[in-house]
PDB file of N, CA and C in Angstrom:
ATOM      1  N   MET A   1      31.360 -20.005  42.041  1.00  0.00           N
ATOM      2  CA  MET A   1      30.160 -20.594  43.145  1.00  0.00           C
ATOM      3  C   MET A   1      31.961 -20.533  44.071  1.00  0.00           C
ATOM      4  N   LYS A   2      32.342 -20.017  45.068  1.00  0.00           N
ATOM      5  CA  LYS A   2      33.036 -20.132  45.880  1.00  0.00           C
ATOM      6  C   LYS A   2      32.865 -20.590  46.953  1.00  0.00           C
ATOM      7  N   GLY A   3      33.810 -21.775  47.292  1.00  0.00           N
ATOM      8  CA  GLY A   3      32.829 -22.202  48.729  1.00  0.00           C
ATOM      9  C   GLY A   3      32.436 -23.940  48.738  1.00  0.00           C
ATOM     10  N   ILE A   4      31.746 -24.002  47.638  1.00  0.00           N
ATOM     11  CA  ILE A   4      31.750 -25.112  46.978  1.00  0.00           C
ATOM     12  C   ILE A   4      32.159 -25.759  46.793  1.00  0.00           C
ATOM     13  N   HIS A   5      32.728 -27.364  47.673  1.00  0.00           N
ATOM     14  CA  HIS A   5      33.172 -28.020  47.404  1.00  0.00           C
ATOM     15  C   HIS A   5      32.526 -29.345  46.216  1.00  0.00           C
ATOM     16  N   THR A   6      33.394 -30.269  45.235  1.00  0.00           N
ATOM     17  CA  THR A   6      33.407 -30.765  44.294  1.00  0.00           C
ATOM     18  C   THR A   6      33.325 -32.132  45.006  1.00  0.00           C
ATOM     19  N   MET A   7      32.596 -32.758  45.107  1.00  0.00           N
ATOM     20  CA  MET A   7      32.719 -34.167  45.217  1.00  0.00           C
ATOM     21  C   MET A   7      32.862 -35.214  44.311  1.00  0.00           C
ATOM     22  N   LYS A   8      34.136 -35.589  43.350  1.00  0.00           N
ATOM     23  CA  LYS A   8      34.137 -36.869  42.873  1.00  0.00           C
ATOM     24  C   LYS A   8      34.163 -38.556  43.156  1.00  0.00           C
ATOM     25  N   ILE A   9      33.155 -38.558  42.247  1.00  0.00           N
ATOM     26  CA  ILE A   9      33.516 -39.604  42.837  1.00  0.00           C
ATOM     27  C   ILE A   9      33.746 -40.947  41.583  1.00  0.00           C
ATOM     28  N   SER A  10      34.508 -41.731  42.204  1.00  0.00           N
ATOM     29  CA  SER A  10      35.271 -42.555  40.849  1.00  0.00           C
ATOM     30  C   SER A  10      33.692 -43.730  41.064  1.00  0.00           C
ATOM     31  N   PHE A  11      34.532 -45.274  39.719  1.00  0.00           N
ATOM     32  CA  PHE A  11      33.551 -46.016  39.969  1.00  0.00           C
ATOM     33  C   PHE A  11      34.256 -47.127  40.978  1.00  0.00           C
ATOM     34  N   LEU A  12      35.965 -47.321  40.752  1.00  0.00           N
ATOM     35  CA  LEU A  12      36.331 -48.373  42.004  1.00  0.00           C
ATOM     36  C   LEU A  12      36.982 -47.694  43.016  1.00  0.00           C
ATOM     37  N   PRO A  13      36.406 -48.258  43.906  1.00  0.00           N
ATOM     38  CA  PRO A  13      37.153 -48.162  45.658  1.00  0.00           C
ATOM     39  C   PRO A  13      38.413 -47.598  45.314  1.00  0.00           C
ATOM     40  N   THR A  14      39.338 -46.512  46.375  1.00  0.00           N
ATOM     41  CA  THR A  14      40.122 -45.820  45.999  1.00  0.00           C
ATOM     42  C   THR A  14      40.911 -46.424  47.794  1.00  0.00           C
ATOM     43  N   SER A  15      40.549 -47.375  48.561  1.00  0.00           N
ATOM     44  CA  SER A  15      40.269 -46.963  49.968  1.00  0.00           C
ATOM     45  C   SER A  15      40.787 -48.783  50.135  1.00  0.00           C
ATOM     46  N   ARG A  16      41.768 -49.069  51.536  1.00  0.00           N
ATOM     47  CA  ARG A  16      41.535 -50.771  51.473  1.00  0.00           C
ATOM     48  C   ARG A  16      40.991 -50.928  51.939  1.00  0.00           C
ATOM     49  N   LEU A  17      39.877 -50.629  52.846  1.00  0.00           N
ATOM     50  CA  LEU A  17      38.875 -51.102  53.184  1.00  0.00           C
ATOM     51  C   LEU A  17      37.492 -51.128  52.001  1.00  0.00           C
ATOM     52  N   GLY A  18      37.616 -50.160  51.385  1.00  0.00           N
ATOM     53  CA  GLY A  18      36.727 -50.379  50.350  1.00  0.00           C
ATOM     54  C   GLY A  18      36.845 -51.190  49.316  1.00  0.00           C
ATOM     55  N   LYS A  19      37.850 -51.166  48.979  1.00  0.00           N
ATOM     56  CA  LYS A  19      38.323 -52.576  48.530  1.00  0.00           C
ATOM     57  C   LYS A  19      37.907 -53.762  49.389  1.00  0.00           C
ATOM     58  N   ARG A  20      38.341 -53.916  51.012  1.00  0.00           N
ATOM     59  CA  ARG A  20      37.692 -55.270  51.061  1.00  0.00           C
ATOM     60  C   ARG A  20      36.434 -55.902  50.842  1.00  0.00           C
ATOM     61  N   SER A  21      35.707 -54.334  51.513  1.00  0.00           N
ATOM     62  CA  SER A  21      34.136 -54.318  51.237  1.00  0.00           C
ATOM     63  C   SER A  21      33.837 -54.748  49.752  1.00  0.00           C
ATOM     64  N   ILE A  22      34.297 -54.287  48.831  1.00  0.00           N
ATOM     65  CA  ILE A  22      34.084 -55.015  47.074  1.00  0.00           C
ATOM     66  C   ILE A  22      34.189 -56.641  47.210  1.00  0.00           C
ATOM     67  N   ALA A  23      35.629 -57.034  47.850  1.00  0.00           N
ATOM     68  CA  ALA A  23      36.366 -58.051  47.852  1.00  0.00           C
ATOM     69  C   ALA A  23      34.744 -59.531  48.193  1.00  0.00           C
ATOM     70  N   LEU A  24      34.588 -58.667  49.814  1.00  0.00           N
ATOM     71  CA  LEU A  24      33.209 -59.868  50.517  1.00  0.00           C
ATOM     72  C   LEU A  24      32.266 -60.010  49.964  1.00  0.00           C
ATOM     73  N   ASN A  25      32.171 -58.091  48.949  1.00  0.00           N
ATOM     74  CA  ASN A  25      30.413 -58.504  48.438  1.00  0.00           C
ATOM     75  C   ASN A  25      30.405 -59.280  47.540  1.00  0.00           C
ATOM     76  N   LEU A  26      31.953 -59.306  46.422  1.00  0.00           N
ATOM     77  CA  LEU A  26      32.089 -60.914  45.265  1.00  0.00           C
ATOM     78  C   LEU A  26      31.972 -62.065  45.783  1.00  0.00           C
ATOM     79  N   PHE A  27      32.856 -61.840  46.932  1.00  0.00           N
ATOM     80  CA  PHE A  27      32.832 -63.285  47.393  1.00  0.00           C
ATOM     81  C   PHE A  27      31.391 -64.104  47.679  1.00  0.00           C
ATOM     82  N   PHE A  28      30.247 -63.035  48.183  1.00  0.00           N
ATOM     83  CA  PHE A  28      29.352 -63.651  48.962  1.00  0.00           C
ATOM     84  C   PHE A  28      28.684 -63.950  47.758  1.00  0.00           C
ATOM     85  N   LEU A  29      28.251 -62.692  46.136  1.00  0.00           N
ATOM     86  CA  LEU A  29      27.602 -63.235  44.817  1.00  0.00           C
ATOM     87  C   LEU A  29      28.344 -64.632  44.382  1.00  0.00           C
ATOM     88  N   LEU A  30      29.663 -64.868  45.331  1.00  0.00           N
ATOM     89  CA  LEU A  30      29.882 -66.819  44.214  1.00  0.00           C
ATOM     90  C   LEU A  30      29.155 -67.325  44.849  1.00  0.00           C
ATOM     91  N   LEU A  31      29.149 -67.650  46.395  1.00  0.00           N
ATOM     92  CA  LEU A  31      28.835 -68.047  47.338  1.00  0.00           C
ATOM     93  C   LEU A  31      27.784 -68.833  46.674  1.00  0.00           C
ATOM     94  N   ILE A  32      26.681 -67.291  47.185  1.00  0.00           N
ATOM     95  CA  ILE A  32      25.125 -67.635  46.489  1.00  0.00           C
ATOM     96  C   ILE A  32      25.072 -67.966  45.107  1.00  0.00           C
ATOM     97  N   THR A  33      25.601 -67.852  43.680  1.00  0.00           N
ATOM     98  CA  THR A  33      26.074 -68.502  42.875  1.00  0.00           C
ATOM     99  C   THR A  33      26.311 -69.764  42.621  1.00  0.00           C
ATOM    100  N   LEU A  34      27.172 -70.502  43.460  1.00  0.00           N
ATOM    101  CA  LEU A  34      28.064 -71.757  43.756  1.00  0.00           C
ATOM    102  C   LEU A  34      26.122 -71.988  44.394  1.00  0.00           C
ATOM    103  N   TYR A  35      25.307 -71.730  45.212  1.00  0.00           N
ATOM    104  CA  TYR A  35      24.962 -72.804  45.401  1.00  0.00           C
ATOM    105  C   TYR A  35      23.474 -73.240  45.070  1.00  0.00           C
ATOM    106  N   TYR A  36      22.943 -71.827  44.057  1.00  0.00           N
ATOM    107  CA  TYR A  36      21.793 -72.074  43.352  1.00  0.00           C
ATOM    108  C   TYR A  36      22.244 -73.032  42.093  1.00  0.00           C
ATOM    109  N   ILE A  37      23.910 -73.124  41.867  1.00  0.00           N
ATOM    110  CA  ILE A  37      23.971 -73.485  40.463  1.00  0.00           C
ATOM    111  C   ILE A  37      23.988 -75.385  41.246  1.00  0.00           C
ATOM    112  N   PHE A  38      24.482 -75.977  41.894  1.00  0.00           N
ATOM    113  CA  PHE A  38      24.814 -76.952  42.332  1.00  0.00           C
ATOM    114  C   PHE A  38      23.884 -77.728  43.487  1.00  0.00           C
ATOM    115  N   SER A  39      22.305 -76.261  43.942  1.00  0.00           N
ATOM    116  CA  SER A  39      21.527 -76.894  44.769  1.00  0.00           C
ATOM    117  C   SER A  39      20.735 -77.000  44.377  1.00  0.00           C
ATOM    118  N   ILE A  40      19.979 -76.404  43.069  1.00  0.00           N
ATOM    119  CA  ILE A  40      19.027 -76.059  42.653  1.00  0.00           C
ATOM    120  C   ILE A  40      19.160 -76.195  40.976  1.00  0.00           C
ATOM    121  N   LYS A  41      19.481 -76.032  40.494  1.00  0.00           N
ATOM    122  CA  LYS A  41      19.637 -76.457  38.954  1.00  0.00           C
ATOM    123  C   LYS A  41      20.075 -78.352  39.383  1.00  0.00           C
ATOM    124  N   LEU A  42      21.583 -78.300  39.915  1.00  0.00           N
ATOM    125  CA  LEU A  42      21.943 -79.707  39.040  1.00  0.00           C
ATOM    126  C   LEU A  42      21.397 -80.430  39.979  1.00  0.00           C
ATOM    127  N   SER A  43      20.695 -80.289  41.861  1.00  0.00           N
ATOM    128  CA  SER A  43      21.256 -81.396  42.328  1.00  0.00           C
ATOM    129  C   SER A  43      21.842 -81.632  42.921  1.00  0.00           C
ATOM    130  N   ILE A  44      22.791 -80.831  42.935  1.00  0.00           N
ATOM    131  CA  ILE A  44      24.309 -82.126  43.610  1.00  0.00           C
ATOM    132  C   ILE A  44      24.236 -81.845  45.348  1.00  0.00           C
ATOM    133  N   LEU A  45      23.732 -80.735  45.700  1.00  0.00           N
ATOM    134  CA  LEU A  45      23.914 -80.412  46.903  1.00  0.00           C
ATOM    135  C   LEU A  45      22.521 -81.532  47.985  1.00  0.00           C
ATOM    136  N   THR A  46      22.787 -81.599  48.397  1.00  0.00           N
ATOM    137  CA  THR A  46      21.013 -82.325  49.121  1.00  0.00           C
ATOM    138  C   THR A  46      21.484 -82.385  50.115  1.00  0.00           C
ATOM    139  N   SER A  47      22.404 -82.045  51.548  1.00  0.00           N
ATOM    140  CA  SER A  47      22.880 -82.069  52.691  1.00  0.00           C
ATOM    141  C   SER A  47      22.578 -81.048  53.341  1.00  0.00           C
ATOM    142  N   GLY A  48      21.925 -80.790  53.962  1.00  0.00           N
ATOM    143  CA  GLY A  48      21.020 -79.436  54.761  1.00  0.00           C
ATOM    144  C   GLY A  48      21.609 -78.899  55.096  1.00  0.00           C
ATOM    145  N   PHE A  49      22.888 -79.554  56.316  1.00  0.00           N
ATOM    146  CA  PHE A  49      24.424 -78.438  56.702  1.00  0.00           C
ATOM    147  C   PHE A  49      24.931 -78.133  56.034  1.00  0.00           C
ATOM    148  N   ILE A  50      25.345 -79.117  54.795  1.00  0.00           N
ATOM    149  CA  ILE A  50      26.420 -78.100  54.028  1.00  0.00           C
ATOM    150  C   ILE A  50      25.707 -76.972  53.580  1.00  0.00           C
ATOM    151  N   ILE A  51      24.182 -76.536  53.073  1.00  0.00           N
ATOM    152  CA  ILE A  51      23.494 -75.615  52.380  1.00  0.00           C
ATOM    153  C   ILE A  51      24.037 -74.278  53.337  1.00  0.00           C
ATOM    154  N   ASN A  52      23.030 -74.485  54.831  1.00  0.00           N
ATOM    155  CA  ASN A  52      22.651 -73.683  55.975  1.00  0.00           C
ATOM    156  C   ASN A  52      24.688 -73.278  56.543  1.00  0.00           C
ATOM    157  N   ILE A  53      25.163 -74.235  55.884  1.00  0.00           N
ATOM    158  CA  ILE A  53      26.245 -73.736  56.053  1.00  0.00           C
ATOM    159  C   ILE A  53      27.426 -72.605  54.974  1.00  0.00           C
ATOM    160  N   LEU A  54      26.919 -72.802  53.942  1.00  0.00           N
ATOM    161  CA  LEU A  54      27.178 -71.812  52.982  1.00  0.00           C
ATOM    162  C   LEU A  54      26.533 -70.595  53.361  1.00  0.00           C
ATOM    163  N   GLY A  55      25.144 -70.884  53.329  1.00  0.00           N
ATOM    164  CA  GLY A  55      24.411 -69.610  53.980  1.00  0.00           C
ATOM    165  C   GLY A  55      24.801 -68.759  54.194  1.00  0.00           C
ATOM    166  N   ALA A  56      25.511 -69.061  55.863  1.00  0.00           N
ATOM    167  CA  ALA A  56      25.845 -68.744  56.689  1.00  0.00           C
ATOM    168  C   ALA A  56      26.934 -68.235  56.237  1.00  0.00           C
ATOM    169  N   VAL A  57      28.032 -68.676  56.151  1.00  0.00           N
ATOM    170  CA  VAL A  57      29.261 -67.785  55.485  1.00  0.00           C
ATOM    171  C   VAL A  57      28.988 -67.084  54.176  1.00  0.00           C
ATOM    172  N   ALA A  58      28.149 -67.088  53.187  1.00  0.00           N
ATOM    173  CA  ALA A  58      27.749 -65.905  53.144  1.00  0.00           C
ATOM    174  C   ALA A  58      27.401 -64.553  52.831  1.00  0.00           C
ATOM    175  N   VAL A  59      26.100 -65.265  53.936  1.00  0.00           N
ATOM    176  CA  VAL A  59      25.300 -63.874  54.850  1.00  0.00           C
ATOM    177  C   VAL A  59      26.586 -62.904  55.929  1.00  0.00           C
ATOM    178  N   ILE A  60      27.421 -63.873  56.297  1.00  0.00           N
ATOM    179  CA  ILE A  60      28.107 -63.444  57.352  1.00  0.00           C
ATOM    180  C   ILE A  60      28.944 -62.906  56.110  1.00  0.00           C
ATOM    181  N   SER A  61      29.792 -63.014  55.132  1.00  0.00           N
ATOM    182  CA  SER A  61      30.662 -62.215  54.276  1.00  0.00           C
ATOM    183  C   SER A  61      29.336 -60.377  53.915  1.00  0.00           C
ATOM    184  N   SER A  62      28.454 -61.185  53.464  1.00  0.00           N
ATOM    185  CA  SER A  62      27.914 -59.580  53.120  1.00  0.00           C
ATOM    186  C   SER A  62      27.877 -58.500  54.094  1.00  0.00           C
ATOM    187  N   VAL A  63      27.496 -59.049  55.651  1.00  0.00           N
ATOM    188  CA  VAL A  63      26.363 -58.104  56.528  1.00  0.00           C
ATOM    189  C   VAL A  63      28.583 -57.707  56.919  1.00  0.00           C
ATOM    190  N   ILE A  64      29.419 -58.130  56.789  1.00  0.00           N
ATOM    191  CA  ILE A  64      30.792 -58.112  57.198  1.00  0.00           C
ATOM    192  C   ILE A  64      31.263 -56.753  56.354  1.00  0.00           C
ATOM    193  N   ALA A  65      30.453 -57.039  55.101  1.00  0.00           N
ATOM    194  CA  ALA A  65      31.089 -56.516  53.900  1.00  0.00           C
ATOM    195  C   ALA A  65      30.435 -54.944  53.662  1.00  0.00           C
ATOM    196  N   PHE A  66      29.272 -54.235  54.163  1.00  0.00           N
ATOM    197  CA  PHE A  66      28.349 -53.534  54.723  1.00  0.00           C
ATOM    198  C   PHE A  66      29.487 -53.023  55.868  1.00  0.00           C
ATOM    199  N   PHE A  67      29.166 -53.287  57.079  1.00  0.00           N
ATOM    200  CA  PHE A  67      30.410 -52.533  57.916  1.00  0.00           C
ATOM    201  C   PHE A  67      31.715 -52.030  57.499  1.00  0.00           C
ATOM    202  N   THR A  68      32.148 -52.990  57.121  1.00  0.00           N
ATOM    203  CA  THR A  68      33.688 -52.687  56.339  1.00  0.00           C
ATOM    204  C   THR A  68      33.494 -51.222  55.543  1.00  0.00           C
ATOM    205  N   GLY A  69      31.728 -51.076  54.746  1.00  0.00           N
ATOM    206  CA  GLY A  69      31.831 -50.244  53.410  1.00  0.00           C
ATOM    207  C   GLY A  69      31.727 -48.953  54.476  1.00  0.00           C
ATOM    208  N   ALA A  70      30.512 -49.260  55.232  1.00  0.00           N
ATOM    209  CA  ALA A  70      30.579 -47.832  55.846  1.00  0.00           C
ATOM    210  C   ALA A  70      30.893 -47.276  56.676  1.00  0.00           C
ATOM    211  N   PHE A  71      32.429 -47.961  57.314  1.00  0.00           N
ATOM    212  CA  PHE A  71      33.027 -47.804  57.268  1.00  0.00           C
ATOM    213  C   PHE A  71      33.971 -46.727  56.742  1.00  0.00           C
ATOM    214  N   ALA A  72      34.655 -47.048  55.881  1.00  0.00           N
ATOM    215  CA  ALA A  72      35.002 -46.660  54.448  1.00  0.00           C
ATOM    216  C   ALA A  72      34.246 -45.500  53.934  1.00  0.00           C
ATOM    217  N   VAL A  73      32.986 -45.696  53.761  1.00  0.00           N
ATOM    218  CA  VAL A  73      32.247 -44.325  53.202  1.00  0.00           C
ATOM    219  C   VAL A  73      32.866 -43.113  54.564  1.00  0.00           C
ATOM    220  N   LEU A  74      32.401 -43.327  55.811  1.00  0.00           N
ATOM    221  CA  LEU A  74      31.824 -42.427  56.786  1.00  0.00           C
ATOM    222  C   LEU A  74      33.207 -41.846  57.415  1.00  0.00           C
ATOM    223  N   ASN A  75      33.888 -42.455  57.390  1.00  0.00           N
ATOM    224  CA  ASN A  75      35.646 -42.068  58.317  1.00  0.00           C
ATOM    225  C   ASN A  75      37.051 -42.505  57.554  1.00  0.00           C
ATOM    226  N   LYS A  76      37.077 -42.727  56.606  1.00  0.00           N
ATOM    227  CA  LYS A  76      37.968 -42.686  54.995  1.00  0.00           C
ATOM    228  C   LYS A  76      37.767 -42.264  53.964  1.00  0.00           C
ATOM    229  N   GLY A  77      36.161 -41.730  54.215  1.00  0.00           N
ATOM    230  CA  GLY A  77      35.964 -40.847  52.460  1.00  0.00           C
ATOM    231  C   GLY A  77      35.823 -41.363  51.674  1.00  0.00           C
ATOM    232  N   GLU A  78      36.131 -42.603  51.069  1.00  0.00           N
ATOM    233  CA  GLU A  78      35.630 -43.782  50.067  1.00  0.00           C
ATOM    234  C   GLU A  78      34.271 -42.616  49.263  1.00  0.00           C
ATOM    235  N   ARG A  79      34.679 -42.421  48.156  1.00  0.00           N
ATOM    236  CA  ARG A  79      33.434 -42.194  47.498  1.00  0.00           C
ATOM    237  C   ARG A  79      33.011 -42.462  45.740  1.00  0.00           C
ATOM    238  N   SER A  80      33.581 -43.954  45.996  1.00  0.00           N
ATOM    239  CA  SER A  80      33.129 -45.268  45.004  1.00  0.00           C
ATOM    240  C   SER A  80      31.959 -45.286  44.616  1.00  0.00           C
ATOM    241  N   VAL A  81      31.148 -45.676  43.288  1.00  0.00           N
ATOM    242  CA  VAL A  81      30.013 -46.085  42.948  1.00  0.00           C
ATOM    243  C   VAL A  81      29.626 -47.398  43.728  1.00  0.00           C
ATOM    244  N   LEU A  82      31.135 -48.119  43.473  1.00  0.00           N
ATOM    245  CA  LEU A  82      31.294 -50.232  44.052  1.00  0.00           C
ATOM    246  C   LEU A  82      30.835 -49.597  45.078  1.00  0.00           C
ATOM    247  N   ALA A  83      31.790 -49.488  45.983  1.00  0.00           N
ATOM    248  CA  ALA A  83      31.789 -48.926  47.234  1.00  0.00           C
ATOM    249  C   ALA A  83      29.688 -49.233  47.819  1.00  0.00           C
ATOM    250  N   TYR A  84      29.326 -47.999  47.235  1.00  0.00           N
ATOM    251  CA  TYR A  84      27.704 -47.677  47.854  1.00  0.00           C
ATOM    252  C   TYR A  84      27.776 -48.703  47.401  1.00  0.00           C
ATOM    253  N   LEU A  85      27.182 -49.703  46.489  1.00  0.00           N
ATOM    254  CA  LEU A  85      26.737 -51.030  45.596  1.00  0.00           C
ATOM    255  C   LEU A  85      26.852 -51.708  46.502  1.00  0.00           C
ATOM    256  N   SER A  86      28.147 -51.753  47.506  1.00  0.00           N
ATOM    257  CA  SER A  86      28.525 -52.729  48.616  1.00  0.00           C
ATOM    258  C   SER A  86      27.456 -52.319  49.574  1.00  0.00           C
ATOM    259  N   ILE A  87      27.692 -51.809  49.831  1.00  0.00           N
ATOM    260  CA  ILE A  87      26.592 -50.850  51.310  1.00  0.00           C
ATOM    261  C   ILE A  87      25.591 -51.557  50.934  1.00  0.00           C
ATOM    262  N   LEU A  88      24.846 -50.857  49.724  1.00  0.00           N
ATOM    263  CA  LEU A  88      23.217 -51.599  49.861  1.00  0.00           C
ATOM    264  C   LEU A  88      22.929 -53.216  50.119  1.00  0.00           C
ATOM    265  N   LEU A  89      23.506 -53.613  49.328  1.00  0.00           N
ATOM    266  CA  LEU A  89      23.321 -55.327  48.879  1.00  0.00           C
ATOM    267  C   LEU A  89      24.406 -55.738  50.440  1.00  0.00           C
ATOM    268  N   GLY A  90      24.837 -55.227  51.535  1.00  0.00           N
ATOM    269  CA  GLY A  90      25.005 -55.759  52.549  1.00  0.00           C
ATOM    270  C   GLY A  90      24.069 -55.545  53.658  1.00  0.00           C
ATOM    271  N   PHE A  91      23.428 -54.211  53.437  1.00  0.00           N
ATOM    272  CA  PHE A  91      22.019 -53.485  54.185  1.00  0.00           C
ATOM    273  C   PHE A  91      21.409 -54.166  53.890  1.00  0.00           C
ATOM    274  N   PHE A  92      20.955 -54.424  53.021  1.00  0.00           N
ATOM    275  CA  PHE A  92      19.747 -55.585  52.284  1.00  0.00           C
ATOM    276  C   PHE A  92      20.200 -56.618  53.362  1.00  0.00           C
ATOM    277  N   SER A  93      21.140 -57.373  52.969  1.00  0.00           N
ATOM    278  CA  SER A  93      21.663 -58.843  53.224  1.00  0.00           C
ATOM    279  C   SER A  93      21.723 -58.747  55.145  1.00  0.00           C
ATOM    280  N   PHE A  94      21.713 -57.896  55.378  1.00  0.00           N
ATOM    281  CA  PHE A  94      21.667 -57.363  57.412  1.00  0.00           C
ATOM    282  C   PHE A  94      20.348 -57.041  58.019  1.00  0.00           C
ATOM    283  N   THR A  95      19.137 -57.081  56.558  1.00  0.00           N
ATOM    284  CA  THR A  95      18.228 -56.243  56.803  1.00  0.00           C
ATOM    285  C   THR A  95      17.291 -57.674  57.029  1.00  0.00           C
ATOM    286  N   LEU A  96      17.528 -59.189  56.154  1.00  0.00           N
ATOM    287  CA  LEU A  96      16.996 -60.072  55.646  1.00  0.00           C
ATOM    288  C   LEU A  96      17.125 -60.748  56.743  1.00  0.00           C
ATOM    289  N   PHE A  97      18.285 -60.953  57.389  1.00  0.00           N
ATOM    290  CA  PHE A  97      18.891 -61.494  58.186  1.00  0.00           C
ATOM    291  C   PHE A  97      19.073 -61.194  60.135  1.00  0.00           C
ATOM    292  N   ILE A  98      18.723 -60.178  60.011  1.00  0.00           N
ATOM    293  CA  ILE A  98      17.347 -59.755  61.789  1.00  0.00           C
ATOM    294  C   ILE A  98      16.301 -60.154  60.949  1.00  0.00           C
ATOM    295  N   SER A  99      15.300 -60.427  59.845  1.00  0.00           N
ATOM    296  CA  SER A  99      14.533 -60.037  60.123  1.00  0.00           C
ATOM    297  C   SER A  99      14.285 -61.569  60.395  1.00  0.00           C
ATOM    298  N   ASN A 100      14.463 -62.115  59.235  1.00  0.00           N
ATOM    299  CA  ASN A 100      15.022 -64.403  59.968  1.00  0.00           C
ATOM    300  C   ASN A 100      14.708 -64.570  60.822  1.00  0.00           C
ATOM    301  N   LEU A 101      15.594 -63.748  62.968  1.00  0.00           N
ATOM    302  CA  LEU A 101      16.108 -63.738  63.430  1.00  0.00           C
ATOM    303  C   LEU A 101      15.269 -63.396  63.827  1.00  0.00           C
ATOM    304  N   LEU A 102      14.141 -62.356  63.708  1.00  0.00           N
ATOM    305  CA  LEU A 102      12.977 -62.162  65.148  1.00  0.00           C
ATOM    306  C   LEU A 102      12.114 -62.416  64.044  1.00  0.00           C
ATOM    307  N   GLY A 103      11.878 -63.281  63.284  1.00  0.00           N
ATOM    308  CA  GLY A 103      10.695 -64.327  62.239  1.00  0.00           C
ATOM    309  C   GLY A 103       9.570 -63.275  61.840  1.00  0.00           C
ATOM    310  N   VAL A 104       9.899 -62.714  61.107  1.00  0.00           N
ATOM    311  CA  VAL A 104       9.234 -61.431  60.708  1.00  0.00           C
ATOM    312  C   VAL A 104       8.555 -61.653  59.315  1.00  0.00           C
TER     313      VAL A 104
END
């Protein structure tokens, strides 16, 4: 079939922005895991201020990962499974952030 372009999808990102998006979402997952371990399981973190800062940094990193991943896919031609998963996770975090701001 002439004229049909095959789109190759890799597992790992190839562009710099795609790699940064993955790194930011891994940082998000690390912070959420540390929050769960130290705050909920071990009850070490009891200060509301530290917990709020930890959550804010985690959500901000995931939202930035969403935008960098979307930019990498739309403008840089990134086609990787992890980039799409990063966009999905970032979109989920962004949606929860916006709904929390609106009080929904």
